[in-house]
N, C-alpha and C. Protein backbone atom coordinates (compact mmCIF):
# COMPACT_ATOMS: atom_id res chain seq x y z
N MET A 1 6.31 -3.76 -4.59
CA MET A 1 7.05 -4.54 -3.80
C MET A 1 6.99 -4.11 -2.42
N LYS A 2 6.89 -5.03 -1.59
CA LYS A 2 6.73 -4.86 -0.01
C LYS A 2 7.76 -5.78 0.67
N ARG A 3 8.66 -5.09 1.30
CA ARG A 3 9.39 -5.86 2.12
C ARG A 3 10.24 -6.86 1.45
N GLY A 4 10.61 -6.33 0.21
CA GLY A 4 11.59 -7.28 -0.68
C GLY A 4 10.59 -8.17 -1.45
N LYS A 5 9.32 -8.51 -1.25
CA LYS A 5 8.54 -9.29 -1.93
C LYS A 5 7.65 -8.93 -2.96
N LEU A 6 7.49 -9.56 -4.04
CA LEU A 6 6.86 -9.00 -5.43
C LEU A 6 5.22 -9.10 -4.80
N GLU A 7 4.45 -8.27 -5.24
CA GLU A 7 2.76 -8.30 -5.29
C GLU A 7 2.47 -8.48 -6.47
N LEU A 8 1.07 -8.63 -6.39
CA LEU A 8 0.22 -8.95 -7.75
C LEU A 8 0.41 -7.31 -8.69
N LYS A 9 0.26 -6.35 -7.88
CA LYS A 9 0.36 -5.16 -8.75
C LYS A 9 1.50 -4.80 -9.06
N ASP A 10 2.67 -5.60 -8.84
CA ASP A 10 4.13 -5.31 -9.44
C ASP A 10 4.06 -6.02 -10.87
N SER A 11 3.11 -6.78 -11.30
CA SER A 11 2.86 -7.32 -12.73
C SER A 11 2.82 -6.15 -13.54
N ASP A 12 1.84 -5.30 -13.33
CA ASP A 12 1.21 -4.22 -13.97
C ASP A 12 2.34 -3.28 -14.20
N THR A 13 3.27 -3.15 -13.23
CA THR A 13 4.42 -2.07 -12.95
C THR A 13 5.41 -2.73 -14.13
N LEU A 14 5.59 -3.91 -13.96
CA LEU A 14 6.64 -4.67 -15.01
C LEU A 14 6.24 -4.53 -16.56
N GLN A 15 4.78 -4.49 -16.85
CA GLN A 15 4.39 -4.43 -18.06
C GLN A 15 4.58 -2.98 -18.55
N ASP A 16 4.30 -2.14 -17.74
CA ASP A 16 4.62 -0.49 -17.85
C ASP A 16 5.79 -0.27 -18.40
N ILE A 17 6.45 -0.91 -17.60
CA ILE A 17 8.50 -0.81 -17.85
C ILE A 17 8.73 -1.46 -19.46
N TYR A 18 7.96 -2.61 -19.55
CA TYR A 18 8.37 -3.19 -20.91
C TYR A 18 8.05 -2.24 -22.04
N ASN A 19 6.85 -1.97 -22.00
CA ASN A 19 6.07 -1.21 -22.86
C ASN A 19 6.82 0.22 -22.94
N LYS A 20 7.66 0.67 -22.14
CA LYS A 20 8.22 1.75 -22.30
C LYS A 20 9.60 1.70 -23.02
N LEU A 21 10.04 0.60 -23.20
CA LEU A 21 11.40 -0.04 -23.83
C LEU A 21 10.94 0.12 -25.45
N THR A 22 12.27 0.61 -26.11
CA THR A 22 12.26 0.32 -27.50
C THR A 22 12.69 -1.01 -27.82
N ILE A 23 13.07 -1.46 -28.92
CA ILE A 23 13.38 -2.48 -29.43
C ILE A 23 15.05 -2.76 -29.06
N ASP A 24 15.62 -1.54 -28.96
CA ASP A 24 17.02 -1.56 -28.81
C ASP A 24 17.26 -1.36 -27.51
N GLY A 25 16.30 -1.24 -26.68
CA GLY A 25 16.61 -1.34 -24.70
C GLY A 25 16.61 0.25 -24.45
N TYR A 26 16.32 1.16 -25.42
CA TYR A 26 16.31 2.61 -24.57
C TYR A 26 14.77 2.63 -24.25
N LEU A 27 15.06 3.76 -23.33
CA LEU A 27 13.48 4.20 -22.78
C LEU A 27 12.78 5.13 -23.69
N LYS A 28 11.35 5.23 -24.06
CA LYS A 28 10.85 5.97 -24.89
C LYS A 28 10.38 7.21 -23.92
N GLU A 29 10.24 7.13 -22.65
CA GLU A 29 9.81 7.90 -21.32
C GLU A 29 10.65 7.47 -20.33
N PRO A 30 10.50 8.68 -19.55
CA PRO A 30 11.46 8.37 -17.95
C PRO A 30 10.53 7.28 -17.18
N LEU A 31 11.12 6.37 -16.28
CA LEU A 31 10.45 5.58 -15.41
C LEU A 31 9.85 6.65 -14.33
N THR A 32 8.70 6.00 -13.69
CA THR A 32 8.25 6.29 -12.56
C THR A 32 9.38 6.03 -11.33
N VAL A 33 8.97 6.65 -10.17
CA VAL A 33 9.80 6.01 -8.85
C VAL A 33 9.24 4.76 -8.63
N ASP A 34 8.14 4.42 -8.65
CA ASP A 34 7.87 2.87 -8.54
C ASP A 34 8.34 2.05 -9.47
N GLU A 35 8.59 2.25 -10.47
CA GLU A 35 9.06 1.62 -11.58
C GLU A 35 10.78 1.35 -11.27
N GLN A 36 11.13 2.53 -10.88
CA GLN A 36 12.71 2.29 -10.87
C GLN A 36 13.08 1.50 -9.51
N VAL A 37 12.22 1.84 -8.36
CA VAL A 37 12.40 1.04 -7.03
C VAL A 37 12.05 -0.51 -7.40
N LEU A 38 11.28 -0.75 -8.02
CA LEU A 38 10.94 -2.18 -8.36
C LEU A 38 12.03 -2.81 -9.19
N ILE A 39 12.72 -2.11 -10.25
CA ILE A 39 14.05 -2.68 -10.94
C ILE A 39 15.24 -2.83 -10.03
N TYR A 40 15.06 -1.68 -8.87
CA TYR A 40 16.18 -1.78 -8.08
C TYR A 40 15.95 -3.00 -7.04
N GLY A 41 15.02 -3.44 -6.71
CA GLY A 41 14.68 -4.33 -5.72
C GLY A 41 15.09 -5.85 -6.38
N ILE A 42 14.18 -5.74 -7.70
CA ILE A 42 14.46 -7.15 -8.52
C ILE A 42 16.11 -7.48 -8.64
N SER A 43 17.11 -6.19 -9.13
CA SER A 43 18.32 -6.57 -9.40
C SER A 43 19.05 -7.06 -8.14
N LYS A 44 18.51 -6.15 -6.91
CA LYS A 44 19.35 -6.46 -5.82
C LYS A 44 18.96 -8.13 -5.10
N TRP A 45 17.74 -8.59 -5.52
CA TRP A 45 17.34 -9.97 -5.00
C TRP A 45 18.23 -10.90 -5.73
N ILE A 46 18.38 -10.31 -7.27
CA ILE A 46 19.23 -11.28 -8.04
C ILE A 46 20.71 -11.31 -7.52
N ARG A 47 21.12 -10.11 -7.27
CA ARG A 47 22.66 -10.22 -6.96
C ARG A 47 22.71 -11.13 -5.38
N GLU A 48 21.78 -11.12 -4.71
CA GLU A 48 22.03 -11.52 -3.48
C GLU A 48 21.53 -13.22 -3.44
N ASN A 49 20.83 -13.50 -4.15
CA ASN A 49 20.23 -14.76 -4.28
C ASN A 49 20.75 -15.66 -5.42
N VAL A 50 21.14 -15.16 -6.37
CA VAL A 50 21.71 -16.11 -7.83
C VAL A 50 23.32 -15.82 -7.87
N GLY A 51 23.79 -15.09 -7.06
CA GLY A 51 25.30 -15.22 -7.23
C GLY A 51 25.86 -14.43 -8.23
N VAL A 52 25.23 -13.43 -8.85
CA VAL A 52 26.01 -12.59 -9.97
C VAL A 52 27.01 -12.01 -9.66
N GLU A 53 28.15 -12.27 -10.24
CA GLU A 53 29.46 -11.64 -9.91
C GLU A 53 29.61 -10.56 -10.87
N ARG A 54 30.56 -9.34 -10.28
CA ARG A 54 30.65 -8.32 -11.10
C ARG A 54 32.39 -8.42 -11.87
């Protein structure tokens, strides 16, 4: 992710995150910093643009 925009390599990172999840949603292993930053960036974008309320 660069300047808040998804890049082609982010699809690989998302696939890596998916592969680390169990069927119950738990992690098989810790996320890397890149994976954590990508999740944070996506969630921030959703919060700002989709109007998710807490």
